[in-house]
Amino acid sequence: MTTRLLPNIIITGTPGCGKTSHAEEFVSQNPEFTHINVSVFAKENGCIEGFDEERDSGIVNEDKMLDLLEPMAEKGGLVIDWHCCEIFPERWIDLVVVVRCNNTILYERLEKRGYKQNKITENVECEIMQVLLTEAMENYNKNIVVELQSEDLESLDENVGRISQWLENWKEQNPEGVSNELQ
């Protein structure tokens, strides 16, 4: 049985909601953590197995990616940033942050990124239907899932502060770390 002294955190949400901004800011304030932007990690580690023309995005070989991430997750201190969360084993994860955004702001952000109209529509509908929040609640203990609104720099700062406060509480409650086994 292995123990990790730092928690693993997932920051998930619809593309354009601010996952990467939250992860980068949190890690800049907590340098003992490693930010894993899954899209970048998958490309850099040969985990892309094809291309989805309709969605204009790479297809990730999730099994290969998880195999590469497992030794890192067992050590702890990961901030995993991706648009889905349910593929990550529950025993790895201590906090799931679902970043949400006002639909009008989200639409404008995706438009500025140059997304095709069908991709913008799909992502805004995903946000309206709370797809990622539902996935998080269905796949992890509801006590570790938190929903945060992200519309501007002020909310980003407040959210990162909340995650940092959660980290301090986690450290106080787990001075010896936590097991990598599912309880």
Protein backbone atom coordinates (compact mmCIF):
# COMPACT_ATOMS: atom_id res chain seq x y z
CA MET A 1 0.00 0.00 0.00
CA THR A 2 1.38 3.41 -0.99
CA THR A 3 0.64 6.76 0.61
CA ARG A 4 0.64 10.22 -0.88
CA LEU A 5 1.37 13.30 1.17
CA LEU A 6 -0.33 15.70 -1.21
CA PRO A 7 -3.83 15.39 -2.68
CA ASN A 8 -4.68 15.05 -6.36
CA ILE A 9 -7.15 17.57 -7.75
CA ILE A 10 -9.15 17.51 -10.97
CA ILE A 11 -10.22 20.83 -12.46
CA THR A 12 -12.82 20.11 -15.10
CA GLY A 13 -15.43 22.01 -17.05
CA THR A 14 -16.69 22.82 -20.49
CA PRO A 15 -13.97 24.18 -22.83
CA GLY A 16 -13.69 27.93 -22.29
CA CYS A 17 -14.81 27.94 -18.64
CA GLY A 18 -11.35 28.60 -17.24
CA LYS A 19 -9.96 25.17 -16.25
CA THR A 20 -6.42 25.90 -17.37
CA SER A 21 -6.38 29.41 -15.89
CA HIS A 22 -7.50 28.01 -12.54
CA ALA A 23 -4.95 25.17 -12.64
CA GLU A 24 -2.07 27.46 -13.65
CA GLU A 25 -2.88 30.05 -10.99
CA PHE A 26 -3.29 27.41 -8.26
CA VAL A 27 0.05 25.78 -9.15
CA SER A 28 1.80 29.17 -9.30
CA GLN A 29 0.69 29.71 -5.68
CA ASN A 30 1.36 26.09 -4.66
CA PRO A 31 4.57 25.08 -6.46
CA GLU A 32 4.69 21.65 -4.81
CA PHE A 33 1.93 20.70 -7.27
CA THR A 34 2.30 19.66 -10.91
CA HIS A 35 -0.20 20.90 -13.49
CA ILE A 36 -1.21 18.23 -15.99
CA ASN A 37 -3.05 19.77 -18.93
CA VAL A 38 -4.32 16.47 -20.33
CA SER A 39 -4.58 17.74 -23.92
CA VAL A 40 -0.90 18.74 -23.89
CA PHE A 41 0.19 15.67 -21.90
CA ALA A 42 -1.56 13.32 -24.35
CA LYS A 43 0.12 14.95 -27.35
CA GLU A 44 3.56 15.02 -25.77
CA ASN A 45 3.34 11.37 -24.67
CA GLY A 46 1.94 9.76 -27.83
CA CYS A 47 -1.54 9.21 -26.44
CA ILE A 48 -3.40 10.64 -29.45
CA GLU A 49 -4.77 7.79 -31.54
CA GLY A 50 -6.75 9.67 -34.14
CA PHE A 51 -8.64 12.82 -35.02
CA ASP A 52 -12.38 13.51 -34.69
CA GLU A 53 -13.21 15.68 -37.71
CA GLU A 54 -16.70 16.54 -36.45
CA ARG A 55 -15.41 17.80 -33.09
CA ASP A 56 -12.16 19.14 -34.56
CA SER A 57 -10.10 17.48 -31.84
CA GLY A 58 -7.70 14.65 -31.15
CA ILE A 59 -8.88 11.28 -29.86
CA VAL A 60 -7.03 10.33 -26.69
CA ASN A 61 -6.05 6.74 -25.94
CA GLU A 62 -7.30 6.94 -22.36
CA ASP A 63 -5.82 3.61 -21.22
CA LYS A 64 -2.33 4.57 -22.37
CA MET A 65 -2.64 8.00 -20.80
CA LEU A 66 -3.85 6.58 -17.47
CA ASP A 67 -0.98 4.08 -17.43
CA LEU A 68 1.47 6.97 -17.83
CA LEU A 69 -0.24 9.10 -15.17
CA GLU A 70 -0.63 6.37 -12.54
CA PRO A 71 2.89 6.57 -11.02
CA MET A 72 2.55 10.35 -10.81
CA ALA A 73 -0.90 10.14 -9.24
CA GLU A 74 0.35 7.67 -6.63
CA LYS A 75 2.92 10.26 -5.50
CA GLY A 76 0.21 12.94 -5.22
CA GLY A 77 0.36 16.64 -5.93
CA LEU A 78 -1.31 16.59 -9.36
CA VAL A 79 -3.71 19.18 -10.67
CA ILE A 80 -5.37 17.44 -13.61
CA ASP A 81 -6.96 19.84 -16.09
CA TRP A 82 -9.33 18.30 -18.66
CA HIS A 83 -12.84 18.58 -20.03
CA CYS A 84 -13.86 15.23 -18.56
CA CYS A 85 -13.19 13.65 -15.21
CA GLU A 86 -14.90 10.28 -15.04
CA ILE A 87 -11.99 8.34 -16.55
CA PHE A 88 -9.71 9.00 -13.58
CA PRO A 89 -9.87 6.32 -10.87
CA GLU A 90 -11.73 7.47 -7.80
CA ARG A 91 -8.90 6.26 -5.55
CA TRP A 92 -6.56 8.83 -7.15
CA ILE A 93 -8.72 11.89 -6.60
CA ASP A 94 -9.27 14.01 -3.48
CA LEU A 95 -11.07 17.01 -4.96
CA VAL A 96 -13.03 17.55 -8.18
CA VAL A 97 -13.52 21.21 -9.11
CA VAL A 98 -16.14 21.79 -11.81
CA VAL A 99 -15.62 25.25 -13.28
CA ARG A 100 -18.84 26.75 -14.68
CA CYS A 101 -19.45 29.87 -16.77
CA ASN A 102 -22.32 32.07 -17.89
CA ASN A 103 -23.41 30.87 -21.35
CA THR A 104 -23.09 34.28 -23.03
CA ILE A 105 -19.55 34.70 -21.72
CA LEU A 106 -18.70 31.12 -22.69
CA TYR A 107 -20.04 31.66 -26.22
CA GLU A 108 -17.89 34.78 -26.63
CA ARG A 109 -14.78 33.03 -25.29
CA LEU A 110 -15.19 30.10 -27.70
CA GLU A 111 -15.86 32.47 -30.60
CA LYS A 112 -12.63 34.36 -29.80
CA ARG A 113 -10.76 31.04 -29.87
CA GLY A 114 -11.96 30.53 -33.42
CA TYR A 115 -14.09 27.47 -32.70
CA LYS A 116 -16.42 26.38 -35.48
CA GLN A 117 -20.10 27.15 -34.89
CA ASN A 118 -21.05 23.49 -34.33
CA LYS A 119 -18.32 23.15 -31.68
CA ILE A 120 -19.45 26.36 -29.95
CA THR A 121 -23.06 25.16 -29.95
CA GLU A 122 -22.13 21.72 -28.60
CA ASN A 123 -20.05 23.19 -25.77
CA VAL A 124 -22.63 25.82 -24.78
CA GLU A 125 -25.34 23.14 -24.75
CA CYS A 126 -23.06 20.96 -22.61
CA GLU A 127 -22.73 23.83 -20.14
CA ILE A 128 -26.48 24.52 -20.13
CA MET A 129 -27.23 20.86 -19.42
CA GLN A 130 -24.57 20.71 -16.66
CA VAL A 131 -23.06 17.62 -18.29
CA LEU A 132 -19.67 17.85 -16.57
CA LEU A 133 -21.14 18.60 -13.16
CA THR A 134 -23.43 15.59 -13.53
CA GLU A 135 -20.51 13.36 -14.57
CA ALA A 136 -18.50 14.48 -11.56
CA MET A 137 -21.39 13.87 -9.15
CA GLU A 138 -22.11 10.45 -10.63
CA ASN A 139 -18.48 9.24 -10.62
CA TYR A 140 -17.05 10.59 -7.36
CA ASN A 141 -18.18 10.94 -3.79
CA LYS A 142 -20.39 14.04 -3.82
CA ASN A 143 -18.47 15.36 -0.79
CA ILE A 144 -15.35 15.93 -2.91
CA VAL A 145 -17.10 17.68 -5.82
CA VAL A 146 -17.28 21.47 -5.77
CA GLU A 147 -18.84 23.74 -8.40
CA LEU A 148 -17.25 27.17 -8.93
CA GLN A 149 -18.41 30.01 -11.20
CA SER A 150 -15.73 31.58 -13.41
CA GLU A 151 -16.55 34.70 -15.32
CA ASP A 152 -13.75 37.18 -14.60
CA LEU A 153 -10.37 37.64 -12.91
CA GLU A 154 -12.02 38.40 -9.57
CA SER A 155 -13.86 35.06 -9.57
CA LEU A 156 -10.65 33.31 -10.66
CA ASP A 157 -8.80 34.76 -7.66
CA GLU A 158 -11.64 33.87 -5.27
CA ASN A 159 -11.86 30.32 -6.64
CA VAL A 160 -8.12 29.70 -6.38
CA GLY A 161 -8.29 31.04 -2.82
CA ARG A 162 -11.04 28.55 -2.02
CA ILE A 163 -9.04 25.66 -3.50
CA SER A 164 -5.97 26.76 -1.54
CA GLN A 165 -8.03 26.91 1.68
CA TRP A 166 -9.32 23.39 0.92
CA LEU A 167 -5.68 22.29 0.54
CA GLU A 168 -4.76 23.70 3.96
CA ASN A 169 -7.70 21.85 5.52
CA TRP A 170 -6.72 18.64 3.72
CA LYS A 171 -3.15 18.90 5.05
CA GLU A 172 -4.41 19.46 8.61
CA GLN A 173 -6.78 16.48 8.38
CA ASN A 174 -4.21 14.18 6.73
CA PRO A 175 -0.81 14.92 8.32
CA GLU A 176 0.37 11.38 7.49
CA GLY A 177 -1.03 11.50 3.94
CA VAL A 178 -3.66 9.22 2.45
CA SER A 179 -3.65 5.72 1.04
CA ASN A 180 -3.79 5.16 -2.70
CA GLU A 181 -6.29 2.37 -2.10
CA LEU A 182 -10.02 2.95 -2.48
CA GLN A 183 -11.57 3.02 1.00
